[in-house]
């Protein structure tokens, strides 16, 4: 049985952009000026790790029970006000 990665004989590599904001915090919440659109983006390289927490935040927003202690810090409107768009 072979163990470990075979780096010498790899056939494919993948890389792509990392969606992130300049302040390093994801954008999670309603998109200002676009009713019915909720963003959950900008997690940098932590998307899979933060998926459960992001899912809970989005669920709260969609069901009308947001976590008021967390949602303001991730509100997409802050990027518009501070110019924190993708870097």
C-alpha atoms as a PDB file:
ATOM      1  CA  UNK A   1       0.000   0.000   0.000  1.00  0.00           C
ATOM      2  CA  UNK A   2       1.342   3.361  -1.018  1.00  0.00           C
ATOM      3  CA  UNK A   3       1.203   6.284   1.418  1.00  0.00           C
ATOM      4  CA  UNK A   4       1.506  10.018   0.909  1.00  0.00           C
ATOM      5  CA  UNK A   5       1.228  12.189  -2.145  1.00  0.00           C
ATOM      6  CA  UNK A   6       3.128  11.308  -5.276  1.00  0.00           C
ATOM      7  CA  UNK A   7       4.350  14.808  -6.170  1.00  0.00           C
ATOM      8  CA  UNK A   8       6.650  13.623  -8.929  1.00  0.00           C
ATOM      9  CA  UNK A   9       3.866  12.066 -11.015  1.00  0.00           C
ATOM     10  CA  UNK A  10       0.989  14.477 -10.463  1.00  0.00           C
ATOM     11  CA  UNK A  11      -1.161  15.025 -13.535  1.00  0.00           C
ATOM     12  CA  UNK A  12      -3.191  18.099 -12.659  1.00  0.00           C
ATOM     13  CA  UNK A  13      -2.863  21.205 -10.589  1.00  0.00           C
ATOM     14  CA  UNK A  14      -5.588  23.711  -9.886  1.00  0.00           C
ATOM     15  CA  UNK A  15      -5.439  27.257  -8.732  1.00  0.00           C
ATOM     16  CA  UNK A  16      -7.856  30.117  -8.810  1.00  0.00           C
ATOM     17  CA  UNK A  17      -8.678  33.471  -7.310  1.00  0.00           C
ATOM     18  CA  UNK A  18      -9.426  33.790  -3.618  1.00  0.00           C
ATOM     19  CA  UNK A  19     -12.420  36.083  -3.128  1.00  0.00           C
ATOM     20  CA  UNK A  20     -11.575  38.358  -0.222  1.00  0.00           C
ATOM     21  CA  UNK A  21     -12.032  41.869   1.053  1.00  0.00           C
ATOM     22  CA  UNK A  22      -9.268  44.251   2.034  1.00  0.00           C
ATOM     23  CA  UNK A  23     -10.256  44.024   5.716  1.00  0.00           C
ATOM     24  CA  UNK A  24     -10.102  40.209   5.594  1.00  0.00           C
ATOM     25  CA  UNK A  25     -13.682  39.695   6.784  1.00  0.00           C
ATOM     26  CA  UNK A  26     -16.262  37.977   4.597  1.00  0.00           C
ATOM     27  CA  UNK A  27     -19.350  39.736   3.264  1.00  0.00           C
ATOM     28  CA  UNK A  28     -22.395  37.976   4.699  1.00  0.00           C
ATOM     29  CA  UNK A  29     -25.826  39.545   4.499  1.00  0.00           C
ATOM     30  CA  UNK A  30     -28.285  41.430   2.304  1.00  0.00           C
ATOM     31  CA  UNK A  31     -26.839  43.271  -0.675  1.00  0.00           C
ATOM     32  CA  UNK A  32     -27.746  46.966  -0.322  1.00  0.00           C
ATOM     33  CA  UNK A  33     -30.138  48.149  -3.011  1.00  0.00           C
ATOM     34  CA  UNK A  34     -31.013  44.616  -4.153  1.00  0.00           C
ATOM     35  CA  UNK A  35     -33.922  43.169  -2.161  1.00  0.00           C
ATOM     36  CA  UNK A  36     -33.870  39.403  -1.953  1.00  0.00           C
ATOM     37  CA  UNK A  37     -30.126  39.051  -2.621  1.00  0.00           C
ATOM     38  CA  UNK A  38     -28.008  37.728   0.236  1.00  0.00           C
ATOM     39  CA  UNK A  39     -24.230  37.513  -0.123  1.00  0.00           C
ATOM     40  CA  UNK A  40     -21.941  34.971   1.507  1.00  0.00           C
ATOM     41  CA  UNK A  41     -18.542  35.585  -0.084  1.00  0.00           C
ATOM     42  CA  UNK A  42     -15.030  36.827   0.589  1.00  0.00           C
ATOM     43  CA  UNK A  43     -13.933  34.042   2.930  1.00  0.00           C
ATOM     44  CA  UNK A  44     -10.382  34.105   1.597  1.00  0.00           C
ATOM     45  CA  UNK A  45      -8.888  30.613   1.997  1.00  0.00           C
ATOM     46  CA  UNK A  46     -11.240  29.728   4.854  1.00  0.00           C
ATOM     47  CA  UNK A  47     -14.445  29.048   2.912  1.00  0.00           C
ATOM     48  CA  UNK A  48     -14.732  25.374   3.824  1.00  0.00           C
ATOM     49  CA  UNK A  49     -13.780  25.960   7.443  1.00  0.00           C
ATOM     50  CA  UNK A  50     -16.232  28.850   7.853  1.00  0.00           C
ATOM     51  CA  UNK A  51     -19.073  27.228   5.872  1.00  0.00           C
ATOM     52  CA  UNK A  52     -21.016  25.972   8.931  1.00  0.00           C
ATOM     53  CA  UNK A  53     -20.917  29.362  10.684  1.00  0.00           C
ATOM     54  CA  UNK A  54     -21.757  31.185   7.452  1.00  0.00           C
ATOM     55  CA  UNK A  55     -24.658  28.806   6.886  1.00  0.00           C
ATOM     56  CA  UNK A  56     -26.021  29.591  10.347  1.00  0.00           C
ATOM     57  CA  UNK A  57     -25.753  33.337   9.724  1.00  0.00           C
ATOM     58  CA  UNK A  58     -27.450  33.106   6.329  1.00  0.00           C
ATOM     59  CA  UNK A  59     -30.174  30.842   7.721  1.00  0.00           C
ATOM     60  CA  UNK A  60     -30.895  33.392  10.438  1.00  0.00           C
ATOM     61  CA  UNK A  61     -31.067  36.188   7.877  1.00  0.00           C
ATOM     62  CA  UNK A  62     -33.416  34.231   5.610  1.00  0.00           C
ATOM     63  CA  UNK A  63     -35.719  33.116   8.421  1.00  0.00           C
ATOM     64  CA  UNK A  64     -35.934  36.550  10.031  1.00  0.00           C
ATOM     65  CA  UNK A  65     -33.908  35.484  13.079  1.00  0.00           C
ATOM     66  CA  UNK A  66     -30.463  36.991  12.481  1.00  0.00           C
ATOM     67  CA  UNK A  67     -27.718  36.815  15.099  1.00  0.00           C
ATOM     68  CA  UNK A  68     -27.604  40.528  15.871  1.00  0.00           C
ATOM     69  CA  UNK A  69     -24.298  40.149  17.691  1.00  0.00           C
ATOM     70  CA  UNK A  70     -22.515  38.969  14.527  1.00  0.00           C
ATOM     71  CA  UNK A  71     -24.311  40.175  11.414  1.00  0.00           C
ATOM     72  CA  UNK A  72     -23.277  43.882  11.544  1.00  0.00           C
ATOM     73  CA  UNK A  73     -19.572  42.998  11.396  1.00  0.00           C
ATOM     74  CA  UNK A  74     -20.040  41.040   8.166  1.00  0.00           C
ATOM     75  CA  UNK A  75     -22.680  43.271   6.508  1.00  0.00           C
ATOM     76  CA  UNK A  76     -21.949  43.805   2.793  1.00  0.00           C
ATOM     77  CA  UNK A  77     -22.903  47.462   3.161  1.00  0.00           C
ATOM     78  CA  UNK A  78     -19.644  48.099   5.008  1.00  0.00           C
ATOM     79  CA  UNK A  79     -17.692  47.340   1.825  1.00  0.00           C
ATOM     80  CA  UNK A  80     -19.652  49.953  -0.083  1.00  0.00           C
ATOM     81  CA  UNK A  81     -19.155  52.559   2.635  1.00  0.00           C
ATOM     82  CA  UNK A  82     -15.458  51.855   3.192  1.00  0.00           C
ATOM     83  CA  UNK A  83     -14.427  50.793  -0.299  1.00  0.00           C
ATOM     84  CA  UNK A  84     -13.478  47.279   0.786  1.00  0.00           C
ATOM     85  CA  UNK A  85     -14.227  45.565  -2.496  1.00  0.00           C
ATOM     86  CA  UNK A  86     -12.154  42.649  -3.744  1.00  0.00           C
ATOM     87  CA  UNK A  87      -8.423  43.283  -3.655  1.00  0.00           C
END
